[in-house]
Amino acid sequence: MVQNVTPSRTGLGEIFKDRRRKAGLSQKKAASLAGCKEVTITDIETGRRAPRMETIWRLGALFCLSRSEVLWGLHLAANHRRNRQAYEMAYIERTVRRFSKETP
């Protein structure tokens, strides 16, 4: 199983980033080895891009992650997105209620 993964992590991008750094690879070198562009690595690590499964499996293999570790990272990322969306919706609802009370 993936070690040192806490609930505050955003998922697979963080796992890839940790493994890349531990391997001493730059984003450019990791991209070259995985057969993708450097911007793809950057976007995956920051959560700005949902990569294709082919890219996910190549990066998983590059960083010696088992399939279960990759799937766990995807699970963490999906939960993070759902939690963030729920928080944003609750914030919007609170704001709407507050403004509707303030409006005469």
C-alpha atoms as a PDB file:
ATOM      1  CA  MET A   1       0.000   0.000   0.000  1.00  0.00           C
ATOM      2  CA  VAL A   2       1.046   3.620  -0.413  1.00  0.00           C
ATOM      3  CA  GLN A   3       3.081   4.814   2.546  1.00  0.00           C
ATOM      4  CA  ASN A   4       2.996   8.298   4.082  1.00  0.00           C
ATOM      5  CA  VAL A   5      -0.284   9.277   2.453  1.00  0.00           C
ATOM      6  CA  THR A   6      -2.480  11.361   4.710  1.00  0.00           C
ATOM      7  CA  PRO A   7      -6.107  12.404   4.115  1.00  0.00           C
ATOM      8  CA  SER A   8      -4.974  15.960   3.376  1.00  0.00           C
ATOM      9  CA  ARG A   9      -3.176  14.847   0.225  1.00  0.00           C
ATOM     10  CA  THR A  10      -4.896  15.341  -3.095  1.00  0.00           C
ATOM     11  CA  GLY A  11      -4.217  11.911  -4.513  1.00  0.00           C
ATOM     12  CA  LEU A  12      -2.234  10.544  -7.368  1.00  0.00           C
ATOM     13  CA  GLY A  13      -0.545  13.815  -8.332  1.00  0.00           C
ATOM     14  CA  GLU A  14       0.949  14.109  -4.852  1.00  0.00           C
ATOM     15  CA  ILE A  15       2.032  10.474  -4.902  1.00  0.00           C
ATOM     16  CA  PHE A  16       3.740  10.941  -8.268  1.00  0.00           C
ATOM     17  CA  LYS A  17       5.368  14.149  -7.059  1.00  0.00           C
ATOM     18  CA  ASP A  18       6.726  12.455  -3.917  1.00  0.00           C
ATOM     19  CA  ARG A  19       8.086   9.500  -5.883  1.00  0.00           C
ATOM     20  CA  ARG A  20       9.625  11.758  -8.548  1.00  0.00           C
ATOM     21  CA  ARG A  21      11.419  13.826  -5.923  1.00  0.00           C
ATOM     22  CA  LYS A  22      12.626  10.744  -4.045  1.00  0.00           C
ATOM     23  CA  ALA A  23      14.021   9.423  -7.326  1.00  0.00           C
ATOM     24  CA  GLY A  24      15.844  12.719  -7.841  1.00  0.00           C
ATOM     25  CA  LEU A  25      14.123  13.371 -11.162  1.00  0.00           C
ATOM     26  CA  SER A  26      13.146  16.739 -12.552  1.00  0.00           C
ATOM     27  CA  GLN A  27       9.718  17.118 -14.091  1.00  0.00           C
ATOM     28  CA  LYS A  28      11.405  17.371 -17.486  1.00  0.00           C
ATOM     29  CA  LYS A  29      13.333  14.107 -17.019  1.00  0.00           C
ATOM     30  CA  ALA A  30      10.258  12.277 -15.667  1.00  0.00           C
ATOM     31  CA  ALA A  31       8.242  13.474 -18.666  1.00  0.00           C
ATOM     32  CA  SER A  32      10.929  12.270 -21.038  1.00  0.00           C
ATOM     33  CA  LEU A  33      11.039   8.830 -19.402  1.00  0.00           C
ATOM     34  CA  ALA A  34       7.230   8.551 -19.356  1.00  0.00           C
ATOM     35  CA  GLY A  35       6.845   9.721 -22.945  1.00  0.00           C
ATOM     36  CA  CYS A  36       4.831  12.848 -22.234  1.00  0.00           C
ATOM     37  CA  LYS A  37       5.386  16.602 -22.019  1.00  0.00           C
ATOM     38  CA  GLU A  38       6.771  18.402 -18.979  1.00  0.00           C
ATOM     39  CA  VAL A  39       3.584  20.467 -18.719  1.00  0.00           C
ATOM     40  CA  THR A  40       1.641  17.199 -18.372  1.00  0.00           C
ATOM     41  CA  ILE A  41       3.713  16.248 -15.311  1.00  0.00           C
ATOM     42  CA  THR A  42       3.264  19.735 -13.834  1.00  0.00           C
ATOM     43  CA  ASP A  43      -0.492  19.678 -14.386  1.00  0.00           C
ATOM     44  CA  ILE A  44      -0.872  16.176 -12.926  1.00  0.00           C
ATOM     45  CA  GLU A  45       1.150  17.043  -9.823  1.00  0.00           C
ATOM     46  CA  THR A  46      -0.815  20.236  -9.197  1.00  0.00           C
ATOM     47  CA  GLY A  47      -4.181  18.668  -9.927  1.00  0.00           C
ATOM     48  CA  ARG A  48      -4.935  20.907 -12.911  1.00  0.00           C
ATOM     49  CA  ARG A  49      -5.205  17.997 -15.315  1.00  0.00           C
ATOM     50  CA  ALA A  50      -6.831  14.609 -15.206  1.00  0.00           C
ATOM     51  CA  PRO A  51      -4.411  12.493 -17.229  1.00  0.00           C
ATOM     52  CA  ARG A  52      -5.338   9.694 -19.583  1.00  0.00           C
ATOM     53  CA  MET A  53      -5.172   6.212 -18.074  1.00  0.00           C
ATOM     54  CA  GLU A  54      -2.300   5.332 -20.394  1.00  0.00           C
ATOM     55  CA  THR A  55      -0.255   8.178 -18.908  1.00  0.00           C
ATOM     56  CA  ILE A  56      -1.228   7.182 -15.372  1.00  0.00           C
ATOM     57  CA  TRP A  57      -0.061   3.590 -15.891  1.00  0.00           C
ATOM     58  CA  ARG A  58       3.220   4.724 -17.519  1.00  0.00           C
ATOM     59  CA  LEU A  59       3.963   7.072 -14.616  1.00  0.00           C
ATOM     60  CA  GLY A  60       3.002   4.368 -12.140  1.00  0.00           C
ATOM     61  CA  ALA A  61       5.452   1.979 -13.782  1.00  0.00           C
ATOM     62  CA  LEU A  62       8.153   4.670 -13.898  1.00  0.00           C
ATOM     63  CA  PHE A  63       7.804   5.262 -10.146  1.00  0.00           C
ATOM     64  CA  CYS A  64       7.497   1.525  -9.325  1.00  0.00           C
ATOM     65  CA  LEU A  65       3.925   1.827  -8.065  1.00  0.00           C
ATOM     66  CA  SER A  66       1.763  -1.265  -7.994  1.00  0.00           C
ATOM     67  CA  ARG A  67      -1.635  -1.185  -9.677  1.00  0.00           C
ATOM     68  CA  SER A  68      -3.298  -1.077  -6.259  1.00  0.00           C
ATOM     69  CA  GLU A  69      -1.196   1.958  -5.280  1.00  0.00           C
ATOM     70  CA  VAL A  70      -2.184   3.740  -8.501  1.00  0.00           C
ATOM     71  CA  LEU A  71      -5.858   2.913  -7.946  1.00  0.00           C
ATOM     72  CA  TRP A  72      -5.599   4.115  -4.323  1.00  0.00           C
ATOM     73  CA  GLY A  73      -4.198   7.426  -5.578  1.00  0.00           C
ATOM     74  CA  LEU A  74      -7.100   7.757  -8.011  1.00  0.00           C
ATOM     75  CA  HIS A  75      -9.495   7.043  -5.152  1.00  0.00           C
ATOM     76  CA  LEU A  76      -7.898   9.780  -3.004  1.00  0.00           C
ATOM     77  CA  ALA A  77      -8.117  12.269  -5.859  1.00  0.00           C
ATOM     78  CA  ALA A  78     -11.789  11.490  -6.490  1.00  0.00           C
ATOM     79  CA  ASN A  79     -12.632  11.888  -2.803  1.00  0.00           C
ATOM     80  CA  HIS A  80     -10.725  15.175  -2.662  1.00  0.00           C
ATOM     81  CA  ARG A  81     -12.724  16.533  -5.622  1.00  0.00           C
ATOM     82  CA  ARG A  82     -16.048  15.436  -4.079  1.00  0.00           C
ATOM     83  CA  ASN A  83     -15.157  16.981  -0.709  1.00  0.00           C
ATOM     84  CA  ARG A  84     -14.070  20.229  -2.346  1.00  0.00           C
ATOM     85  CA  GLN A  85     -17.266  20.420  -4.401  1.00  0.00           C
ATOM     86  CA  ALA A  86     -19.410  19.750  -1.304  1.00  0.00           C
ATOM     87  CA  TYR A  87     -17.555  22.478   0.606  1.00  0.00           C
ATOM     88  CA  GLU A  88     -18.005  24.951  -2.252  1.00  0.00           C
ATOM     89  CA  MET A  89     -21.739  24.188  -2.496  1.00  0.00           C
ATOM     90  CA  ALA A  90     -22.183  24.647   1.268  1.00  0.00           C
ATOM     91  CA  TYR A  91     -20.339  27.967   1.071  1.00  0.00           C
ATOM     92  CA  ILE A  92     -22.562  29.157  -1.779  1.00  0.00           C
ATOM     93  CA  GLU A  93     -25.701  28.119   0.101  1.00  0.00           C
ATOM     94  CA  ARG A  94     -24.569  29.948   3.269  1.00  0.00           C
ATOM     95  CA  THR A  95     -23.766  33.066   1.250  1.00  0.00           C
ATOM     96  CA  VAL A  96     -27.133  33.033  -0.510  1.00  0.00           C
ATOM     97  CA  ARG A  97     -28.957  32.591   2.816  1.00  0.00           C
ATOM     98  CA  ARG A  98     -26.967  35.422   4.395  1.00  0.00           C
ATOM     99  CA  PHE A  99     -27.668  37.823   1.544  1.00  0.00           C
ATOM    100  CA  SER A 100     -31.338  36.865   1.372  1.00  0.00           C
ATOM    101  CA  LYS A 101     -31.675  37.719   5.103  1.00  0.00           C
ATOM    102  CA  GLU A 102     -29.925  41.065   4.612  1.00  0.00           C
ATOM    103  CA  THR A 103     -32.126  42.053   1.660  1.00  0.00           C
ATOM    104  CA  PRO A 104     -35.262  43.900   2.857  1.00  0.00           C
END
